[in-house]
Amino acid sequence: DGRDDIFEEGDGAFVDGLHAGDKLTVES
């Protein structure tokens, strides 16, 4: 979601407060 946190292998992200149809970006 364009945020500062970097997630490495084995990590997960809880993304809450979403609405159907939102576009959630994941960048490598």
PDB file of all heavy atoms in Angstrom:
ATOM      1  N   ASP A   1       0.821  -1.212   0.000  1.00  0.00           N
ATOM      2  CA  ASP A   1       0.000   0.000   0.000  1.00  0.00           C
ATOM      3  C   ASP A   1       0.859   1.269   0.000  1.00  0.00           C
ATOM      4  O   ASP A   1       0.458   2.291   0.557  1.00  0.00           O
ATOM      5  CB  ASP A   1      -0.966  -0.012   1.199  1.00  0.00           C
ATOM      6  CG  ASP A   1      -2.047   1.050   1.099  1.00  0.00           C
ATOM      7  OD1 ASP A   1      -2.442   1.400  -0.034  1.00  0.00           O
ATOM      8  OD2 ASP A   1      -2.489   1.543   2.164  1.00  0.00           O
ATOM      9  N   GLY A   2       2.046   1.191  -0.578  1.00  0.00           N
ATOM     10  CA  GLY A   2       2.896   2.371  -0.696  1.00  0.00           C
ATOM     11  C   GLY A   2       3.427   2.900   0.618  1.00  0.00           C
ATOM     12  O   GLY A   2       3.954   4.017   0.682  1.00  0.00           O
ATOM     13  N   ARG A   3       3.330   2.108   1.666  1.00  0.00           N
ATOM     14  CA  ARG A   3       3.769   2.563   2.992  1.00  0.00           C
ATOM     15  C   ARG A   3       5.257   2.272   3.205  1.00  0.00           C
ATOM     16  O   ARG A   3       5.883   1.567   2.427  1.00  0.00           O
ATOM     17  CB  ARG A   3       2.904   1.917   4.076  1.00  0.00           C
ATOM     18  CG  ARG A   3       1.446   2.364   3.950  1.00  0.00           C
ATOM     19  CD  ARG A   3       0.488   1.612   4.842  1.00  0.00           C
ATOM     20  NE  ARG A   3      -0.898   1.952   4.508  1.00  0.00           N
ATOM     21  CZ  ARG A   3      -1.603   2.899   5.112  1.00  0.00           C
ATOM     22  NH1 ARG A   3      -1.075   3.601   6.092  1.00  0.00           N
ATOM     23  NH2 ARG A   3      -2.848   3.141   4.731  1.00  0.00           N
ATOM     24  N   ASP A   4       5.806   2.839   4.287  1.00  0.00           N
ATOM     25  CA  ASP A   4       7.253   2.776   4.501  1.00  0.00           C
ATOM     26  C   ASP A   4       7.743   1.390   4.916  1.00  0.00           C
ATOM     27  O   ASP A   4       8.894   1.037   4.652  1.00  0.00           O
ATOM     28  CB  ASP A   4       7.676   3.796   5.573  1.00  0.00           C
ATOM     29  CG  ASP A   4       7.507   5.238   5.094  1.00  0.00           C
ATOM     30  OD1 ASP A   4       7.512   5.442   3.864  1.00  0.00           O
ATOM     31  OD2 ASP A   4       7.374   6.135   5.948  1.00  0.00           O
ATOM     32  N   ASP A   5       6.894   0.626   5.598  1.00  0.00           N
ATOM     33  CA  ASP A   5       7.335  -0.684   6.113  1.00  0.00           C
ATOM     34  C   ASP A   5       7.822  -1.577   4.976  1.00  0.00           C
ATOM     35  O   ASP A   5       7.165  -1.688   3.939  1.00  0.00           O
ATOM     36  CB  ASP A   5       6.190  -1.394   6.837  1.00  0.00           C
ATOM     37  CG  ASP A   5       5.865  -0.753   8.168  1.00  0.00           C
ATOM     38  OD1 ASP A   5       6.781  -0.530   8.967  1.00  0.00           O
ATOM     39  OD2 ASP A   5       4.669  -0.471   8.398  1.00  0.00           O
ATOM     40  N   ILE A   6       8.943  -2.236   5.203  1.00  0.00           N
ATOM     41  CA  ILE A   6       9.462  -3.234   4.267  1.00  0.00           C
ATOM     42  C   ILE A   6       9.194  -4.607   4.874  1.00  0.00           C
ATOM     43  O   ILE A   6       9.509  -4.861   6.039  1.00  0.00           O
ATOM     44  CB  ILE A   6      10.970  -3.053   4.016  1.00  0.00           C
ATOM     45  CG1 ILE A   6      11.255  -1.657   3.460  1.00  0.00           C
ATOM     46  CG2 ILE A   6      11.484  -4.143   3.074  1.00  0.00           C
ATOM     47  CD1 ILE A   6      10.659  -1.379   2.099  1.00  0.00           C
ATOM     48  N   PHE A   7       8.616  -5.509   4.066  1.00  0.00           N
ATOM     49  CA  PHE A   7       8.304  -6.857   4.523  1.00  0.00           C
ATOM     50  C   PHE A   7       9.257  -7.835   3.848  1.00  0.00           C
ATOM     51  O   PHE A   7       9.387  -7.833   2.621  1.00  0.00           O
ATOM     52  CB  PHE A   7       6.846  -7.198   4.209  1.00  0.00           C
ATOM     53  CG  PHE A   7       5.876  -6.328   4.945  1.00  0.00           C
ATOM     54  CD1 PHE A   7       5.427  -5.135   4.378  1.00  0.00           C
ATOM     55  CD2 PHE A   7       5.436  -6.666   6.217  1.00  0.00           C
ATOM     56  CE1 PHE A   7       4.545  -4.315   5.058  1.00  0.00           C
ATOM     57  CE2 PHE A   7       4.553  -5.849   6.909  1.00  0.00           C
ATOM     58  CZ  PHE A   7       4.107  -4.672   6.329  1.00  0.00           C
ATOM     59  N   GLU A   8       9.908  -8.639   4.669  1.00  0.00           N
ATOM     60  CA  GLU A   8      10.879  -9.605   4.171  1.00  0.00           C
ATOM     61  C   GLU A   8      10.262 -11.001   4.174  1.00  0.00           C
ATOM     62  O   GLU A   8       9.117 -11.193   4.580  1.00  0.00           O
ATOM     63  CB  GLU A   8      12.152  -9.533   5.019  1.00  0.00           C
ATOM     64  CG  GLU A   8      12.758  -8.127   5.032  1.00  0.00           C
ATOM     65  CD  GLU A   8      14.134  -8.081   5.676  1.00  0.00           C
ATOM     66  OE1 GLU A   8      14.666  -9.156   6.038  1.00  0.00           O
ATOM     67  OE2 GLU A   8      14.675  -6.969   5.812  1.00  0.00           O
ATOM     68  N   GLU A   9      11.039 -11.969   3.716  1.00  0.00           N
ATOM     69  CA  GLU A   9      10.523 -13.344   3.626  1.00  0.00           C
ATOM     70  C   GLU A   9      10.137 -13.874   5.011  1.00  0.00           C
ATOM     71  O   GLU A   9      10.891 -13.718   5.973  1.00  0.00           O
ATOM     72  CB  GLU A   9      11.570 -14.239   2.967  1.00  0.00           C
ATOM     73  CG  GLU A   9      11.775 -13.883   1.506  1.00  0.00           C
ATOM     74  CD  GLU A   9      12.845 -14.735   0.845  1.00  0.00           C
ATOM     75  OE1 GLU A   9      12.942 -15.930   1.156  1.00  0.00           O
ATOM     76  OE2 GLU A   9      13.588 -14.186   0.003  1.00  0.00           O
ATOM     77  N   GLY A  10       8.965 -14.478   5.072  1.00  0.00           N
ATOM     78  CA  GLY A  10       8.427 -14.966   6.339  1.00  0.00           C
ATOM     79  C   GLY A  10       7.536 -13.953   7.024  1.00  0.00           C
ATOM     80  O   GLY A  10       6.748 -14.303   7.903  1.00  0.00           O
ATOM     81  N   ASP A  11       7.657 -12.673   6.634  1.00  0.00           N
ATOM     82  CA  ASP A  11       6.811 -11.629   7.222  1.00  0.00           C
ATOM     83  C   ASP A  11       5.404 -11.677   6.631  1.00  0.00           C
ATOM     84  O   ASP A  11       5.191 -12.176   5.522  1.00  0.00           O
ATOM     85  CB  ASP A  11       7.385 -10.236   6.927  1.00  0.00           C
ATOM     86  CG  ASP A  11       8.661  -9.918   7.708  1.00  0.00           C
ATOM     87  OD1 ASP A  11       8.984 -10.653   8.655  1.00  0.00           O
ATOM     88  OD2 ASP A  11       9.325  -8.911   7.356  1.00  0.00           O
ATOM     89  N   GLY A  12       4.489 -11.075   7.374  1.00  0.00           N
ATOM     90  CA  GLY A  12       3.141 -10.877   6.882  1.00  0.00           C
ATOM     91  C   GLY A  12       2.679  -9.468   7.198  1.00  0.00           C
ATOM     92  O   GLY A  12       3.283  -8.760   8.014  1.00  0.00           O
ATOM     93  N   ALA A  13       1.601  -9.046   6.555  1.00  0.00           N
ATOM     94  CA  ALA A  13       1.011  -7.738   6.814  1.00  0.00           C
ATOM     95  C   ALA A  13      -0.487  -7.905   7.015  1.00  0.00           C
ATOM     96  O   ALA A  13      -1.175  -8.458   6.152  1.00  0.00           O
ATOM     97  CB  ALA A  13       1.275  -6.787   5.646  1.00  0.00           C
ATOM     98  N   PHE A  14      -0.981  -7.443   8.163  1.00  0.00           N
ATOM     99  CA  PHE A  14      -2.416  -7.346   8.398  1.00  0.00           C
ATOM    100  C   PHE A  14      -2.879  -6.014   7.821  1.00  0.00           C
ATOM    101  O   PHE A  14      -2.433  -4.953   8.282  1.00  0.00           O
ATOM    102  CB  PHE A  14      -2.734  -7.347   9.893  1.00  0.00           C
ATOM    103  CG  PHE A  14      -2.391  -8.616  10.631  1.00  0.00           C
ATOM    104  CD1 PHE A  14      -1.266  -8.683  11.450  1.00  0.00           C
ATOM    105  CD2 PHE A  14      -3.202  -9.731  10.541  1.00  0.00           C
ATOM    106  CE1 PHE A  14      -0.960  -9.837  12.153  1.00  0.00           C
ATOM    107  CE2 PHE A  14      -2.917 -10.895  11.243  1.00  0.00           C
ATOM    108  CZ  PHE A  14      -1.784 -10.948  12.048  1.00  0.00           C
ATOM    109  N   VAL A  15      -3.752  -6.051   6.822  1.00  0.00           N
ATOM    110  CA  VAL A  15      -4.285  -4.813   6.253  1.00  0.00           C
ATOM    111  C   VAL A  15      -5.780  -4.786   6.555  1.00  0.00           C
ATOM    112  O   VAL A  15      -6.543  -5.598   6.032  1.00  0.00           O
ATOM    113  CB  VAL A  15      -4.020  -4.706   4.736  1.00  0.00           C
ATOM    114  CG1 VAL A  15      -4.386  -3.309   4.244  1.00  0.00           C
ATOM    115  CG2 VAL A  15      -2.560  -5.019   4.404  1.00  0.00           C
ATOM    116  N   ASP A  16      -6.178  -3.851   7.408  1.00  0.00           N
ATOM    117  CA  ASP A  16      -7.551  -3.799   7.908  1.00  0.00           C
ATOM    118  C   ASP A  16      -8.223  -2.500   7.461  1.00  0.00           C
ATOM    119  O   ASP A  16      -7.562  -1.561   7.010  1.00  0.00           O
ATOM    120  CB  ASP A  16      -7.535  -3.885   9.437  1.00  0.00           C
ATOM    121  CG  ASP A  16      -8.746  -4.589  10.006  1.00  0.00           C
ATOM    122  OD1 ASP A  16      -9.761  -4.706   9.290  1.00  0.00           O
ATOM    123  OD2 ASP A  16      -8.686  -5.012  11.179  1.00  0.00           O
ATOM    124  N   GLY A  17      -9.540  -2.444   7.587  1.00  0.00           N
ATOM    125  CA  GLY A  17     -10.292  -1.251   7.245  1.00  0.00           C
ATOM    126  C   GLY A  17     -10.498  -1.065   5.755  1.00  0.00           C
ATOM    127  O   GLY A  17     -10.765   0.055   5.288  1.00  0.00           O
ATOM    128  N   LEU A  18     -10.391  -2.146   5.001  1.00  0.00           N
ATOM    129  CA  LEU A  18     -10.530  -2.076   3.547  1.00  0.00           C
ATOM    130  C   LEU A  18     -11.995  -2.187   3.119  1.00  0.00           C
ATOM    131  O   LEU A  18     -12.838  -2.671   3.871  1.00  0.00           O
ATOM    132  CB  LEU A  18      -9.724  -3.201   2.894  1.00  0.00           C
ATOM    133  CG  LEU A  18      -8.200  -3.125   3.057  1.00  0.00           C
ATOM    134  CD1 LEU A  18      -7.554  -4.458   2.698  1.00  0.00           C
ATOM    135  CD2 LEU A  18      -7.629  -2.004   2.187  1.00  0.00           C
ATOM    136  N   HIS A  19     -12.245  -1.766   1.883  1.00  0.00           N
ATOM    137  CA  HIS A  19     -13.568  -1.896   1.280  1.00  0.00           C
ATOM    138  C   HIS A  19     -13.441  -2.676  -0.021  1.00  0.00           C
ATOM    139  O   HIS A  19     -12.447  -2.541  -0.745  1.00  0.00           O
ATOM    140  CB  HIS A  19     -14.176  -0.524   0.985  1.00  0.00           C
ATOM    141  CG  HIS A  19     -14.195   0.413   2.149  1.00  0.00           C
ATOM    142  ND1 HIS A  19     -14.793   0.085   3.347  1.00  0.00           N
ATOM    143  CD2 HIS A  19     -13.674   1.658   2.310  1.00  0.00           C
ATOM    144  CE1 HIS A  19     -14.664   1.091   4.194  1.00  0.00           C
ATOM    145  NE2 HIS A  19     -13.975   2.058   3.595  1.00  0.00           N
ATOM    146  N   ALA A  20     -14.432  -3.487  -0.326  1.00  0.00           N
ATOM    147  CA  ALA A  20     -14.443  -4.205  -1.600  1.00  0.00           C
ATOM    148  C   ALA A  20     -14.261  -3.206  -2.741  1.00  0.00           C
ATOM    149  O   ALA A  20     -14.892  -2.148  -2.758  1.00  0.00           O
ATOM    150  CB  ALA A  20     -15.740  -4.977  -1.763  1.00  0.00           C
ATOM    151  N   GLY A  21     -13.382  -3.529  -3.670  1.00  0.00           N
ATOM    152  CA  GLY A  21     -13.091  -2.649  -4.797  1.00  0.00           C
ATOM    153  C   GLY A  21     -11.860  -1.793  -4.600  1.00  0.00           C
ATOM    154  O   GLY A  21     -11.334  -1.236  -5.578  1.00  0.00           O
ATOM    155  N   ASP A  22     -11.371  -1.664  -3.359  1.00  0.00           N
ATOM    156  CA  ASP A  22     -10.114  -0.938  -3.130  1.00  0.00           C
ATOM    157  C   ASP A  22      -8.985  -1.582  -3.934  1.00  0.00           C
ATOM    158  O   ASP A  22      -8.971  -2.805  -4.123  1.00  0.00           O
ATOM    159  CB  ASP A  22      -9.728  -0.969  -1.648  1.00  0.00           C
ATOM    160  CG  ASP A  22     -10.507   0.007  -0.795  1.00  0.00           C
ATOM    161  OD1 ASP A  22     -11.171   0.897  -1.346  1.00  0.00           O
ATOM    162  OD2 ASP A  22     -10.448  -0.124   0.458  1.00  0.00           O
ATOM    163  N   LYS A  23      -8.034  -0.785  -4.341  1.00  0.00           N
ATOM    164  CA  LYS A  23      -6.848  -1.288  -5.045  1.00  0.00           C
ATOM    165  C   LYS A  23      -5.678  -1.291  -4.068  1.00  0.00           C
ATOM    166  O   LYS A  23      -5.182  -0.228  -3.675  1.00  0.00           O
ATOM    167  CB  LYS A  23      -6.516  -0.415  -6.258  1.00  0.00           C
ATOM    168  CG  LYS A  23      -7.676  -0.220  -7.234  1.00  0.00           C
ATOM    169  CD  LYS A  23      -8.104  -1.519  -7.904  1.00  0.00           C
ATOM    170  CE  LYS A  23      -9.178  -1.260  -8.951  1.00  0.00           C
ATOM    171  NZ  LYS A  23      -9.675  -2.505  -9.565  1.00  0.00           N
ATOM    172  N   LEU A  24      -5.258  -2.477  -3.677  1.00  0.00           N
ATOM    173  CA  LEU A  24      -4.152  -2.638  -2.733  1.00  0.00           C
ATOM    174  C   LEU A  24      -2.886  -2.954  -3.509  1.00  0.00           C
ATOM    175  O   LEU A  24      -2.811  -3.986  -4.187  1.00  0.00           O
ATOM    176  CB  LEU A  24      -4.467  -3.762  -1.738  1.00  0.00           C
ATOM    177  CG  LEU A  24      -3.428  -4.020  -0.650  1.00  0.00           C
ATOM    178  CD1 LEU A  24      -3.329  -2.833   0.309  1.00  0.00           C
ATOM    179  CD2 LEU A  24      -3.766  -5.299   0.125  1.00  0.00           C
ATOM    180  N   THR A  25      -1.883  -2.079  -3.442  1.00  0.00           N
ATOM    181  CA  THR A  25      -0.653  -2.291  -4.200  1.00  0.00           C
ATOM    182  C   THR A  25       0.361  -3.076  -3.380  1.00  0.00           C
ATOM    183  O   THR A  25       0.481  -2.910  -2.170  1.00  0.00           O
ATOM    184  CB  THR A  25      -0.018  -0.958  -4.641  1.00  0.00           C
ATOM    185  OG1 THR A  25       0.301  -0.192  -3.480  1.00  0.00           O
ATOM    186  CG2 THR A  25      -0.949  -0.175  -5.539  1.00  0.00           C
ATOM    187  N   VAL A  26       1.084  -3.944  -4.074  1.00  0.00           N
ATOM    188  CA  VAL A  26       2.203  -4.687  -3.487  1.00  0.00           C
ATOM    189  C   VAL A  26       3.386  -4.499  -4.433  1.00  0.00           C
ATOM    190  O   VAL A  26       3.311  -4.861  -5.607  1.00  0.00           O
ATOM    191  CB  VAL A  26       1.882  -6.182  -3.311  1.00  0.00           C
ATOM    192  CG1 VAL A  26       3.069  -6.904  -2.680  1.00  0.00           C
ATOM    193  CG2 VAL A  26       0.635  -6.373  -2.452  1.00  0.00           C
ATOM    194  N   GLU A  27       4.465  -3.937  -3.900  1.00  0.00           N
ATOM    195  CA  GLU A  27       5.630  -3.602  -4.709  1.00  0.00           C
ATOM    196  C   GLU A  27       6.819  -4.458  -4.275  1.00  0.00           C
ATOM    197  O   GLU A  27       7.090  -4.606  -3.074  1.00  0.00           O
ATOM    198  CB  GLU A  27       5.953  -2.122  -4.517  1.00  0.00           C
ATOM    199  CG  GLU A  27       7.105  -1.604  -5.341  1.00  0.00           C
ATOM    200  CD  GLU A  27       7.387  -0.136  -5.073  1.00  0.00           C
ATOM    201  OE1 GLU A  27       6.675   0.475  -4.229  1.00  0.00           O
ATOM    202  OE2 GLU A  27       8.312   0.413  -5.691  1.00  0.00           O
ATOM    203  N   SER A  28       7.521  -5.030  -5.236  1.00  0.00           N
ATOM    204  CA  SER A  28       8.724  -5.824  -4.956  1.00  0.00           C
ATOM    205  C   SER A  28       9.921  -4.878  -4.903  1.00  0.00           C
ATOM    206  O   SER A  28      10.270  -4.250  -5.906  1.00  0.00           O
ATOM    207  CB  SER A  28       8.924  -6.871  -6.053  1.00  0.00           C
ATOM    208  OG  SER A  28      10.138  -7.566  -5.875  1.00  0.00           O
TER     209      SER A  28
END
